[in-house]
PDB file of N, CA and C in Angstrom:
ATOM      1  N   MET A   1      19.435 -14.063 -20.047  1.00  0.00           N
ATOM      2  CA  MET A   1      19.269 -13.109 -21.117  1.00  0.00           C
ATOM      3  C   MET A   1      19.782 -13.724 -22.411  1.00  0.00           C
ATOM      4  N   THR A   2      19.039 -13.557 -23.460  1.00  0.00           N
ATOM      5  CA  THR A   2      19.460 -14.009 -24.784  1.00  0.00           C
ATOM      6  C   THR A   2      20.000 -12.811 -25.552  1.00  0.00           C
ATOM      7  N   LEU A   3      21.214 -12.953 -26.052  1.00  0.00           N
ATOM      8  CA  LEU A   3      21.860 -11.867 -26.788  1.00  0.00           C
ATOM      9  C   LEU A   3      22.186 -12.321 -28.203  1.00  0.00           C
ATOM     10  N   GLN A   4      21.853 -11.498 -29.180  1.00  0.00           N
ATOM     11  CA  GLN A   4      22.240 -11.764 -30.564  1.00  0.00           C
ATOM     12  C   GLN A   4      23.498 -10.956 -30.840  1.00  0.00           C
ATOM     13  N   VAL A   5      24.593 -11.666 -31.076  1.00  0.00           N
ATOM     14  CA  VAL A   5      25.908 -11.046 -31.216  1.00  0.00           C
ATOM     15  C   VAL A   5      26.232 -10.906 -32.703  1.00  0.00           C
ATOM     16  N   GLU A   6      26.174  -9.677 -33.202  1.00  0.00           N
ATOM     17  CA  GLU A   6      26.400  -9.389 -34.624  1.00  0.00           C
ATOM     18  C   GLU A   6      27.811  -8.837 -34.832  1.00  0.00           C
ATOM     19  N   SER A   7      28.512  -9.412 -35.797  1.00  0.00           N
ATOM     20  CA  SER A   7      29.828  -8.893 -36.187  1.00  0.00           C
ATOM     21  C   SER A   7      29.846  -8.743 -37.704  1.00  0.00           C
ATOM     22  N   PRO A   8      29.430  -7.573 -38.206  1.00  0.00           N
ATOM     23  CA  PRO A   8      29.387  -7.383 -39.659  1.00  0.00           C
ATOM     24  C   PRO A   8      30.744  -6.997 -40.242  1.00  0.00           C
ATOM     25  N   CYS A   9      31.036  -7.550 -41.400  1.00  0.00           N
ATOM     26  CA  CYS A   9      32.201  -7.179 -42.208  1.00  0.00           C
ATOM     27  C   CYS A   9      33.515  -7.165 -41.416  1.00  0.00           C
ATOM     28  N   VAL A  10      33.860  -8.333 -40.869  1.00  0.00           N
ATOM     29  CA  VAL A  10      35.118  -8.491 -40.137  1.00  0.00           C
ATOM     30  C   VAL A  10      36.083  -9.265 -41.032  1.00  0.00           C
ATOM     31  N   TYR A  11      37.337  -8.824 -41.068  1.00  0.00           N
ATOM     32  CA  TYR A  11      38.334  -9.484 -41.901  1.00  0.00           C
ATOM     33  C   TYR A  11      38.939 -10.671 -41.164  1.00  0.00           C
ATOM     34  N   THR A  12      38.936 -11.827 -41.835  1.00  0.00           N
ATOM     35  CA  THR A  12      39.528 -13.031 -41.272  1.00  0.00           C
ATOM     36  C   THR A  12      41.049 -12.934 -41.372  1.00  0.00           C
ATOM     37  N   SER A  13      41.737 -13.969 -40.925  1.00  0.00           N
ATOM     38  CA  SER A  13      43.203 -13.964 -40.973  1.00  0.00           C
ATOM     39  C   SER A  13      43.729 -13.901 -42.404  1.00  0.00           C
ATOM     40  N   GLN A  14      42.897 -14.271 -43.385  1.00  0.00           N
ATOM     41  CA  GLN A  14      43.297 -14.213 -44.798  1.00  0.00           C
ATOM     42  C   GLN A  14      42.886 -12.903 -45.462  1.00  0.00           C
ATOM     43  N   GLY A  15      42.279 -12.007 -44.694  1.00  0.00           N
ATOM     44  CA  GLY A  15      41.849 -10.735 -45.249  1.00  0.00           C
ATOM     45  C   GLY A  15      40.519 -10.785 -45.980  1.00  0.00           C
ATOM     46  N   VAL A  16      39.738 -11.837 -45.744  1.00  0.00           N
ATOM     47  CA  VAL A  16      38.431 -11.985 -46.384  1.00  0.00           C
ATOM     48  C   VAL A  16      37.358 -11.441 -45.442  1.00  0.00           C
ATOM     49  N   PRO A  17      36.538 -10.485 -45.916  1.00  0.00           N
ATOM     50  CA  PRO A  17      35.493  -9.946 -45.046  1.00  0.00           C
ATOM     51  C   PRO A  17      34.293 -10.891 -44.947  1.00  0.00           C
ATOM     52  N   ILE A  18      33.888 -11.198 -43.718  1.00  0.00           N
ATOM     53  CA  ILE A  18      32.695 -12.013 -43.487  1.00  0.00           C
ATOM     54  C   ILE A  18      31.875 -11.376 -42.365  1.00  0.00           C
ATOM     55  N   SER A  19      30.621 -11.770 -42.293  1.00  0.00           N
ATOM     56  CA  SER A  19      29.749 -11.342 -41.202  1.00  0.00           C
ATOM     57  C   SER A  19      29.293 -12.580 -40.451  1.00  0.00           C
ATOM     58  N   VAL A  20      29.261 -12.480 -39.144  1.00  0.00           N
ATOM     59  CA  VAL A  20      28.877 -13.602 -38.295  1.00  0.00           C
ATOM     60  C   VAL A  20      27.811 -13.143 -37.311  1.00  0.00           C
ATOM     61  N   THR A  21      26.853 -14.029 -37.071  1.00  0.00           N
ATOM     62  CA  THR A  21      25.850 -13.812 -36.033  1.00  0.00           C
ATOM     63  C   THR A  21      25.928 -14.979 -35.062  1.00  0.00           C
ATOM     64  N   GLY A  22      26.067 -14.665 -33.795  1.00  0.00           N
ATOM     65  CA  GLY A  22      26.071 -15.676 -32.755  1.00  0.00           C
ATOM     66  C   GLY A  22      24.931 -15.408 -31.782  1.00  0.00           C
ATOM     67  N   ILE A  23      24.509 -16.447 -31.083  1.00  0.00           N
ATOM     68  CA  ILE A  23      23.480 -16.322 -30.055  1.00  0.00           C
ATOM     69  C   ILE A  23      24.094 -16.773 -28.738  1.00  0.00           C
ATOM     70  N   ALA A  24      24.015 -15.909 -27.736  1.00  0.00           N
ATOM     71  CA  ALA A  24      24.575 -16.232 -26.419  1.00  0.00           C
ATOM     72  C   ALA A  24      23.479 -16.159 -25.359  1.00  0.00           C
ATOM     73  N   GLN A  25      23.532 -17.101 -24.446  1.00  0.00           N
ATOM     74  CA  GLN A  25      22.680 -17.080 -23.258  1.00  0.00           C
ATOM     75  C   GLN A  25      23.590 -16.719 -22.092  1.00  0.00           C
ATOM     76  N   VAL A  26      23.275 -15.622 -21.420  1.00  0.00           N
ATOM     77  CA  VAL A  26      24.076 -15.197 -20.273  1.00  0.00           C
ATOM     78  C   VAL A  26      23.155 -14.938 -19.087  1.00  0.00           C
ATOM     79  N   LYS A  27      23.719 -15.037 -17.897  1.00  0.00           N
ATOM     80  CA  LYS A  27      22.927 -14.739 -16.703  1.00  0.00           C
ATOM     81  C   LYS A  27      23.836 -14.261 -15.589  1.00  0.00           C
ATOM     82  N   ILE A  28      23.233 -13.555 -14.661  1.00  0.00           N
ATOM     83  CA  ILE A  28      23.951 -13.178 -13.449  1.00  0.00           C
ATOM     84  C   ILE A  28      23.886 -14.386 -12.535  1.00  0.00           C
ATOM     85  N   GLN A  29      25.040 -14.808 -12.081  1.00  0.00           N
ATOM     86  CA  GLN A  29      25.138 -16.042 -11.304  1.00  0.00           C
ATOM     87  C   GLN A  29      24.664 -15.812  -9.879  1.00  0.00           C
ATOM     88  N   GLY A  30      23.513 -16.352  -9.535  1.00  0.00           N
ATOM     89  CA  GLY A  30      22.951 -16.180  -8.200  1.00  0.00           C
ATOM     90  C   GLY A  30      23.349 -17.271  -7.223  1.00  0.00           C
ATOM     91  N   GLN A  31      23.818 -18.418  -7.729  1.00  0.00           N
ATOM     92  CA  GLN A  31      24.184 -19.545  -6.865  1.00  0.00           C
ATOM     93  C   GLN A  31      25.496 -19.292  -6.120  1.00  0.00           C
ATOM     94  N   ASN A  32      26.397 -18.581  -6.761  1.00  0.00           N
ATOM     95  CA  ASN A  32      27.720 -18.338  -6.199  1.00  0.00           C
ATOM     96  C   ASN A  32      27.722 -16.956  -5.541  1.00  0.00           C
ATOM     97  N   GLU A  33      27.915 -16.931  -4.239  1.00  0.00           N
ATOM     98  CA  GLU A  33      27.831 -15.677  -3.490  1.00  0.00           C
ATOM     99  C   GLU A  33      28.875 -14.653  -3.943  1.00  0.00           C
ATOM    100  N   ASP A  34      30.090 -15.108  -4.238  1.00  0.00           N
ATOM    101  CA  ASP A  34      31.140 -14.189  -4.686  1.00  0.00           C
ATOM    102  C   ASP A  34      30.783 -13.543  -6.024  1.00  0.00           C
ATOM    103  N   MET A  35      30.265 -14.358  -6.939  1.00  0.00           N
ATOM    104  CA  MET A  35      29.892 -13.817  -8.253  1.00  0.00           C
ATOM    105  C   MET A  35      28.699 -12.875  -8.140  1.00  0.00           C
ATOM    106  N   LEU A  36      27.768 -13.195  -7.265  1.00  0.00           N
ATOM    107  CA  LEU A  36      26.612 -12.325  -7.062  1.00  0.00           C
ATOM    108  C   LEU A  36      27.054 -10.981  -6.494  1.00  0.00           C
ATOM    109  N   LEU A  37      27.984 -11.020  -5.558  1.00  0.00           N
ATOM    110  CA  LEU A  37      28.527  -9.791  -4.978  1.00  0.00           C
ATOM    111  C   LEU A  37      29.240  -8.960  -6.051  1.00  0.00           C
ATOM    112  N   THR A  38      30.016  -9.634  -6.894  1.00  0.00           N
ATOM    113  CA  THR A  38      30.708  -8.952  -7.989  1.00  0.00           C
ATOM    114  C   THR A  38      29.710  -8.291  -8.933  1.00  0.00           C
ATOM    115  N   ALA A  39      28.660  -9.026  -9.295  1.00  0.00           N
ATOM    116  CA  ALA A  39      27.630  -8.472 -10.186  1.00  0.00           C
ATOM    117  C   ALA A  39      26.959  -7.264  -9.544  1.00  0.00           C
ATOM    118  N   CYS A  40      26.697  -7.344  -8.249  1.00  0.00           N
ATOM    119  CA  CYS A  40      26.079  -6.212  -7.545  1.00  0.00           C
ATOM    120  C   CYS A  40      26.994  -4.988  -7.587  1.00  0.00           C
ATOM    121  N   GLU A  41      28.278  -5.209  -7.351  1.00  0.00           N
ATOM    122  CA  GLU A  41      29.234  -4.099  -7.387  1.00  0.00           C
ATOM    123  C   GLU A  41      29.311  -3.479  -8.784  1.00  0.00           C
ATOM    124  N   GLN A  42      29.291  -4.331  -9.805  1.00  0.00           N
ATOM    125  CA  GLN A  42      29.427  -3.858 -11.190  1.00  0.00           C
ATOM    126  C   GLN A  42      28.178  -3.144 -11.701  1.00  0.00           C
ATOM    127  N   PHE A  43      27.010  -3.664 -11.323  1.00  0.00           N
ATOM    128  CA  PHE A  43      25.786  -3.243 -11.996  1.00  0.00           C
ATOM    129  C   PHE A  43      24.741  -2.584 -11.107  1.00  0.00           C
ATOM    130  N   LEU A  44      25.062  -2.328  -9.850  1.00  0.00           N
ATOM    131  CA  LEU A  44      24.095  -1.704  -8.956  1.00  0.00           C
ATOM    132  C   LEU A  44      23.627  -0.371  -9.539  1.00  0.00           C
ATOM    133  N   GLY A  45      22.327  -0.198  -9.650  1.00  0.00           N
ATOM    134  CA  GLY A  45      21.764   1.036 -10.174  1.00  0.00           C
ATOM    135  C   GLY A  45      21.626   1.076 -11.684  1.00  0.00           C
ATOM    136  N   LYS A  46      22.091   0.032 -12.376  1.00  0.00           N
ATOM    137  CA  LYS A  46      21.993  -0.004 -13.836  1.00  0.00           C
ATOM    138  C   LYS A  46      20.703  -0.719 -14.255  1.00  0.00           C
ATOM    139  N   GLN A  47      20.152  -0.269 -15.359  1.00  0.00           N
ATOM    140  CA  GLN A  47      18.969  -0.907 -15.941  1.00  0.00           C
ATOM    141  C   GLN A  47      19.382  -2.234 -16.589  1.00  0.00           C
ATOM    142  N   GLU A  48      18.415  -3.132 -16.763  1.00  0.00           N
ATOM    143  CA  GLU A  48      18.693  -4.407 -17.416  1.00  0.00           C
ATOM    144  C   GLU A  48      19.255  -4.186 -18.820  1.00  0.00           C
ATOM    145  N   SER A  49      18.748  -3.180 -19.523  1.00  0.00           N
ATOM    146  CA  SER A  49      19.236  -2.898 -20.881  1.00  0.00           C
ATOM    147  C   SER A  49      20.714  -2.502 -20.876  1.00  0.00           C
ATOM    148  N   GLU A  50      21.156  -1.800 -19.832  1.00  0.00           N
ATOM    149  CA  GLU A  50      22.571  -1.419 -19.726  1.00  0.00           C
ATOM    150  C   GLU A  50      23.443  -2.646 -19.477  1.00  0.00           C
ATOM    151  N   ILE A  51      22.965  -3.550 -18.646  1.00  0.00           N
ATOM    152  CA  ILE A  51      23.705  -4.787 -18.354  1.00  0.00           C
ATOM    153  C   ILE A  51      23.800  -5.629 -19.626  1.00  0.00           C
ATOM    154  N   GLN A  52      22.689  -5.739 -20.354  1.00  0.00           N
ATOM    155  CA  GLN A  52      22.691  -6.481 -21.616  1.00  0.00           C
ATOM    156  C   GLN A  52      23.684  -5.875 -22.600  1.00  0.00           C
ATOM    157  N   HIS A  53      23.713  -4.546 -22.677  1.00  0.00           N
ATOM    158  CA  HIS A  53      24.621  -3.868 -23.604  1.00  0.00           C
ATOM    159  C   HIS A  53      26.084  -4.158 -23.256  1.00  0.00           C
ATOM    160  N   ILE A  54      26.421  -4.117 -21.979  1.00  0.00           N
ATOM    161  CA  ILE A  54      27.796  -4.395 -21.546  1.00  0.00           C
ATOM    162  C   ILE A  54      28.190  -5.820 -21.924  1.00  0.00           C
ATOM    163  N   ALA A  55      27.306  -6.786 -21.653  1.00  0.00           N
ATOM    164  CA  ALA A  55      27.588  -8.183 -21.995  1.00  0.00           C
ATOM    165  C   ALA A  55      27.694  -8.351 -23.511  1.00  0.00           C
ATOM    166  N   LEU A  56      26.804  -7.698 -24.251  1.00  0.00           N
ATOM    167  CA  LEU A  56      26.792  -7.813 -25.708  1.00  0.00           C
ATOM    168  C   LEU A  56      28.061  -7.239 -26.330  1.00  0.00           C
ATOM    169  N   VAL A  57      28.476  -6.077 -25.882  1.00  0.00           N
ATOM    170  CA  VAL A  57      29.687  -5.446 -26.415  1.00  0.00           C
ATOM    171  C   VAL A  57      30.916  -6.308 -26.112  1.00  0.00           C
ATOM    172  N   THR A  58      30.963  -6.883 -24.934  1.00  0.00           N
ATOM    173  CA  THR A  58      32.076  -7.764 -24.561  1.00  0.00           C
ATOM    174  C   THR A  58      32.107  -8.995 -25.461  1.00  0.00           C
ATOM    175  N   LEU A  59      30.968  -9.639 -25.631  1.00  0.00           N
ATOM    176  CA  LEU A  59      30.889 -10.823 -26.493  1.00  0.00           C
ATOM    177  C   LEU A  59      31.245 -10.481 -27.938  1.00  0.00           C
ATOM    178  N   GLU A  60      30.753  -9.360 -28.413  1.00  0.00           N
ATOM    179  CA  GLU A  60      31.009  -8.963 -29.796  1.00  0.00           C
ATOM    180  C   GLU A  60      32.494  -8.708 -30.033  1.00  0.00           C
ATOM    181  N   GLY A  61      33.144  -8.092 -29.078  1.00  0.00           N
ATOM    182  CA  GLY A  61      34.580  -7.847 -29.198  1.00  0.00           C
ATOM    183  C   GLY A  61      35.376  -9.134 -29.291  1.00  0.00           C
ATOM    184  N   HIS A  62      35.021 -10.107 -28.464  1.00  0.00           N
ATOM    185  CA  HIS A  62      35.727 -11.391 -28.501  1.00  0.00           C
ATOM    186  C   HIS A  62      35.400 -12.162 -29.780  1.00  0.00           C
ATOM    187  N   GLN A  63      34.142 -12.094 -30.211  1.00  0.00           N
ATOM    188  CA  GLN A  63      33.750 -12.770 -31.449  1.00  0.00           C
ATOM    189  C   GLN A  63      34.554 -12.210 -32.624  1.00  0.00           C
ATOM    190  N   ARG A  64      34.672 -10.882 -32.705  1.00  0.00           N
ATOM    191  CA  ARG A  64      35.442 -10.233 -33.778  1.00  0.00           C
ATOM    192  C   ARG A  64      36.917 -10.647 -33.725  1.00  0.00           C
ATOM    193  N   ALA A  65      37.486 -10.667 -32.535  1.00  0.00           N
ATOM    194  CA  ALA A  65      38.903 -11.017 -32.393  1.00  0.00           C
ATOM    195  C   ALA A  65      39.165 -12.442 -32.873  1.00  0.00           C
ATOM    196  N   ILE A  66      38.284 -13.355 -32.534  1.00  0.00           N
ATOM    197  CA  ILE A  66      38.472 -14.749 -32.941  1.00  0.00           C
ATOM    198  C   ILE A  66      38.243 -14.899 -34.442  1.00  0.00           C
ATOM    199  N   MET A  67      37.279 -14.162 -34.996  1.00  0.00           N
ATOM    200  CA  MET A  67      37.084 -14.168 -36.451  1.00  0.00           C
ATOM    201  C   MET A  67      38.366 -13.736 -37.153  1.00  0.00           C
ATOM    202  N   GLY A  68      39.042 -12.735 -36.615  1.00  0.00           N
ATOM    203  CA  GLY A  68      40.265 -12.224 -37.211  1.00  0.00           C
ATOM    204  C   GLY A  68      41.450 -13.156 -37.102  1.00  0.00           C
ATOM    205  N   SER A  69      41.353 -14.148 -36.221  1.00  0.00           N
ATOM    206  CA  SER A  69      42.471 -15.073 -36.022  1.00  0.00           C
ATOM    207  C   SER A  69      42.291 -16.394 -36.773  1.00  0.00           C
ATOM    208  N   MET A  70      41.142 -16.569 -37.423  1.00  0.00           N
ATOM    209  CA  MET A  70      40.854 -17.821 -38.127  1.00  0.00           C
ATOM    210  C   MET A  70      40.613 -17.543 -39.611  1.00  0.00           C
ATOM    211  N   THR A  71      40.712 -18.595 -40.426  1.00  0.00           N
ATOM    212  CA  THR A  71      40.382 -18.475 -41.844  1.00  0.00           C
ATOM    213  C   THR A  71      38.876 -18.681 -42.020  1.00  0.00           C
ATOM    214  N   VAL A  72      38.374 -18.280 -43.180  1.00  0.00           N
ATOM    215  CA  VAL A  72      36.954 -18.498 -43.488  1.00  0.00           C
ATOM    216  C   VAL A  72      36.637 -19.987 -43.421  1.00  0.00           C
ATOM    217  N   GLU A  73      37.524 -20.797 -43.978  1.00  0.00           N
ATOM    218  CA  GLU A  73      37.311 -22.245 -44.005  1.00  0.00           C
ATOM    219  C   GLU A  73      37.248 -22.822 -42.596  1.00  0.00           C
ATOM    220  N   GLU A  74      38.145 -22.374 -41.722  1.00  0.00           N
ATOM    221  CA  GLU A  74      38.136 -22.863 -40.337  1.00  0.00           C
ATOM    222  C   GLU A  74      36.822 -22.528 -39.643  1.00  0.00           C
ATOM    223  N   ILE A  75      36.366 -21.304 -39.812  1.00  0.00           N
ATOM    224  CA  ILE A  75      35.120 -20.879 -39.164  1.00  0.00           C
ATOM    225  C   ILE A  75      33.942 -21.662 -39.727  1.00  0.00           C
ATOM    226  N   TYR A  76      33.897 -21.792 -41.051  1.00  0.00           N
ATOM    227  CA  TYR A  76      32.761 -22.443 -41.694  1.00  0.00           C
ATOM    228  C   TYR A  76      32.736 -23.951 -41.434  1.00  0.00           C
ATOM    229  N   LYS A  77      33.902 -24.597 -41.575  1.00  0.00           N
ATOM    230  CA  LYS A  77      33.954 -26.054 -41.444  1.00  0.00           C
ATOM    231  C   LYS A  77      33.974 -26.525 -39.994  1.00  0.00           C
ATOM    232  N   ASP A  78      34.525 -25.707 -39.105  1.00  0.00           N
ATOM    233  CA  ASP A  78      34.627 -26.126 -37.703  1.00  0.00           C
ATOM    234  C   ASP A  78      33.921 -25.114 -36.804  1.00  0.00           C
ATOM    235  N   ARG A  79      32.619 -25.028 -36.972  1.00  0.00           N
ATOM    236  CA  ARG A  79      31.805 -24.090 -36.195  1.00  0.00           C
ATOM    237  C   ARG A  79      31.924 -24.355 -34.701  1.00  0.00           C
ATOM    238  N   LYS A  80      32.067 -25.633 -34.362  1.00  0.00           N
ATOM    239  CA  LYS A  80      32.169 -26.003 -32.944  1.00  0.00           C
ATOM    240  C   LYS A  80      33.425 -25.400 -32.312  1.00  0.00           C
ATOM    241  N   LYS A  81      34.544 -25.449 -33.033  1.00  0.00           N
ATOM    242  CA  LYS A  81      35.801 -24.877 -32.539  1.00  0.00           C
ATOM    243  C   LYS A  81      35.660 -23.365 -32.355  1.00  0.00           C
ATOM    244  N   PHE A  82      35.073 -22.700 -33.356  1.00  0.00           N
ATOM    245  CA  PHE A  82      34.864 -21.255 -33.278  1.00  0.00           C
ATOM    246  C   PHE A  82      33.984 -20.914 -32.078  1.00  0.00           C
ATOM    247  N   SER A  83      32.865 -21.615 -31.958  1.00  0.00           N
ATOM    248  CA  SER A  83      31.932 -21.365 -30.852  1.00  0.00           C
ATOM    249  C   SER A  83      32.599 -21.594 -29.501  1.00  0.00           C
ATOM    250  N   LYS A  84      33.387 -22.653 -29.414  1.00  0.00           N
ATOM    251  CA  LYS A  84      34.073 -22.967 -28.158  1.00  0.00           C
ATOM    252  C   LYS A  84      35.056 -21.859 -27.784  1.00  0.00           C
ATOM    253  N   GLN A  85      35.791 -21.349 -28.768  1.00  0.00           N
ATOM    254  CA  GLN A  85      36.755 -20.281 -28.486  1.00  0.00           C
ATOM    255  C   GLN A  85      36.058 -19.011 -28.014  1.00  0.00           C
ATOM    256  N   VAL A  86      34.964 -18.618 -28.689  1.00  0.00           N
ATOM    257  CA  VAL A  86      34.222 -17.430 -28.264  1.00  0.00           C
ATOM    258  C   VAL A  86      33.691 -17.640 -26.850  1.00  0.00           C
ATOM    259  N   PHE A  87      33.102 -18.804 -26.601  1.00  0.00           N
ATOM    260  CA  PHE A  87      32.548 -19.129 -25.289  1.00  0.00           C
ATOM    261  C   PHE A  87      33.613 -19.020 -24.196  1.00  0.00           C
ATOM    262  N   GLU A  88      34.762 -19.648 -24.421  1.00  0.00           N
ATOM    263  CA  GLU A  88      35.809 -19.681 -23.393  1.00  0.00           C
ATOM    264  C   GLU A  88      36.401 -18.299 -23.120  1.00  0.00           C
ATOM    265  N   VAL A  89      36.722 -17.568 -24.179  1.00  0.00           N
ATOM    266  CA  VAL A  89      37.355 -16.260 -24.003  1.00  0.00           C
ATOM    267  C   VAL A  89      36.378 -15.264 -23.378  1.00  0.00           C
ATOM    268  N   ALA A  90      35.156 -15.236 -23.883  1.00  0.00           N
ATOM    269  CA  ALA A  90      34.154 -14.312 -23.339  1.00  0.00           C
ATOM    270  C   ALA A  90      33.790 -14.681 -21.905  1.00  0.00           C
ATOM    271  N   SER A  91      33.706 -15.978 -21.619  1.00  0.00           N
ATOM    272  CA  SER A  91      33.365 -16.427 -20.261  1.00  0.00           C
ATOM    273  C   SER A  91      34.373 -15.928 -19.242  1.00  0.00           C
ATOM    274  N   SER A  92      35.655 -16.028 -19.581  1.00  0.00           N
ATOM    275  CA  SER A  92      36.687 -15.614 -18.631  1.00  0.00           C
ATOM    276  C   SER A  92      36.619 -14.119 -18.353  1.00  0.00           C
ATOM    277  N   ASP A  93      36.186 -13.343 -19.326  1.00  0.00           N
ATOM    278  CA  ASP A  93      36.041 -11.900 -19.160  1.00  0.00           C
ATOM    279  C   ASP A  93      34.772 -11.554 -18.372  1.00  0.00           C
ATOM    280  N   LEU A  94      33.656 -12.139 -18.774  1.00  0.00           N
ATOM    281  CA  LEU A  94      32.370 -11.807 -18.156  1.00  0.00           C
ATOM    282  C   LEU A  94      32.252 -12.314 -16.719  1.00  0.00           C
ATOM    283  N   VAL A  95      32.934 -13.408 -16.404  1.00  0.00           N
ATOM    284  CA  VAL A  95      32.866 -13.940 -15.037  1.00  0.00           C
ATOM    285  C   VAL A  95      33.423 -12.924 -14.042  1.00  0.00           C
ATOM    286  N   ASN A  96      34.351 -12.095 -14.499  1.00  0.00           N
ATOM    287  CA  ASN A  96      34.904 -11.050 -13.634  1.00  0.00           C
ATOM    288  C   ASN A  96      33.900  -9.937 -13.358  1.00  0.00           C
ATOM    289  N   MET A  97      32.792  -9.943 -14.099  1.00  0.00           N
ATOM    290  CA  MET A  97      31.708  -8.980 -13.869  1.00  0.00           C
ATOM    291  C   MET A  97      30.530  -9.636 -13.155  1.00  0.00           C
ATOM    292  N   GLY A  98      30.658 -10.934 -12.851  1.00  0.00           N
ATOM    293  CA  GLY A  98      29.571 -11.651 -12.195  1.00  0.00           C
ATOM    294  C   GLY A  98      28.559 -12.230 -13.162  1.00  0.00           C
ATOM    295  N   ILE A  99      28.920 -12.280 -14.444  1.00  0.00           N
ATOM    296  CA  ILE A  99      28.024 -12.813 -15.474  1.00  0.00           C
ATOM    297  C   ILE A  99      28.563 -14.155 -15.959  1.00  0.00           C
ATOM    298  N   THR A 100      27.670 -15.128 -16.072  1.00  0.00           N
ATOM    299  CA  THR A 100      28.023 -16.444 -16.582  1.00  0.00           C
ATOM    300  C   THR A 100      27.494 -16.589 -18.000  1.00  0.00           C
ATOM    301  N   VAL A 101      28.341 -17.081 -18.897  1.00  0.00           N
ATOM    302  CA  VAL A 101      27.884 -17.416 -20.242  1.00  0.00           C
ATOM    303  C   VAL A 101      27.388 -18.857 -20.169  1.00  0.00           C
ATOM    304  N   VAL A 102      26.088 -19.033 -20.345  1.00  0.00           N
ATOM    305  CA  VAL A 102      25.486 -20.360 -20.276  1.00  0.00           C
ATOM    306  C   VAL A 102      25.752 -21.117 -21.569  1.00  0.00           C
ATOM    307  N   SER A 103      25.595 -20.429 -22.698  1.00  0.00           N
ATOM    308  CA  SER A 103      25.861 -21.063 -23.990  1.00  0.00           C
ATOM    309  C   SER A 103      26.161 -20.003 -25.043  1.00  0.00           C
ATOM    310  N   TYR A 104      26.851 -20.445 -26.085  1.00  0.00           N
ATOM    311  CA  TYR A 104      27.114 -19.597 -27.249  1.00  0.00           C
ATOM    312  C   TYR A 104      27.022 -20.499 -28.475  1.00  0.00           C
ATOM    313  N   THR A 105      26.265 -20.064 -29.466  1.00  0.00           N
ATOM    314  CA  THR A 105      26.092 -20.834 -30.693  1.00  0.00           C
ATOM    315  C   THR A 105      26.299 -19.925 -31.893  1.00  0.00           C
ATOM    316  N   LEU A 106      27.020 -20.412 -32.869  1.00  0.00           N
ATOM    317  CA  LEU A 106      27.201 -19.689 -34.127  1.00  0.00           C
ATOM    318  C   LEU A 106      25.948 -19.900 -34.965  1.00  0.00           C
ATOM    319  N   LYS A 107      25.229 -18.821 -35.235  1.00  0.00           N
ATOM    320  CA  LYS A 107      23.954 -18.909 -35.958  1.00  0.00           C
ATOM    321  C   LYS A 107      24.130 -18.782 -37.465  1.00  0.00           C
ATOM    322  N   ASP A 108      24.981 -17.852 -37.901  1.00  0.00           N
ATOM    323  CA  ASP A 108      25.060 -17.566 -39.329  1.00  0.00           C
ATOM    324  C   ASP A 108      26.436 -17.027 -39.702  1.00  0.00           C
ATOM    325  N   ILE A 109      26.911 -17.442 -40.877  1.00  0.00           N
ATOM    326  CA  ILE A 109      28.153 -16.921 -41.455  1.00  0.00           C
ATOM    327  C   ILE A 109      27.822 -16.467 -42.874  1.00  0.00           C
ATOM    328  N   ARG A 110      28.216 -15.239 -43.208  1.00  0.00           N
ATOM    329  CA  ARG A 110      27.979 -14.716 -44.553  1.00  0.00           C
ATOM    330  C   ARG A 110      29.278 -14.154 -45.119  1.00  0.00           C
ATOM    331  N   ASP A 111      29.533 -14.481 -46.361  1.00  0.00           N
ATOM    332  CA  ASP A 111      30.681 -13.940 -47.085  1.00  0.00           C
ATOM    333  C   ASP A 111      30.263 -12.585 -47.638  1.00  0.00           C
ATOM    334  N   GLU A 112      31.072 -11.571 -47.430  1.00  0.00           N
ATOM    335  CA  GLU A 112      30.717 -10.216 -47.854  1.00  0.00           C
ATOM    336  C   GLU A 112      31.125  -9.901 -49.285  1.00  0.00           C
ATOM    337  N   GLU A 113      31.797 -10.826 -49.953  1.00  0.00           N
ATOM    338  CA  GLU A 113      32.244 -10.547 -51.330  1.00  0.00           C
ATOM    339  C   GLU A 113      31.264 -11.074 -52.341  1.00  0.00           C
TER     340      GLU A 113
END
């Protein structure tokens, strides 16, 4: 599943409001029996749109938290570091639901001022 992760008007560690758009590829892990069982327990009876929403809200929350812990300059100049942090933090959360984050990329950064 491809998810567009929008975080509008989030204040960075310096109090500067910015908006960020990230793109995440996530999937239910079918190769690992334990993760598949976890995903079944979490999402049995749910529509694909509900599963996407849960993954999207989780990713968005982590993206916002990391935006708030970095400066505008850090996010803008070191996109790889920002992307890696979102990927790692969100992955550890989503794996507990049986979802694997395949990739996360920072697509756009906008200054709100």
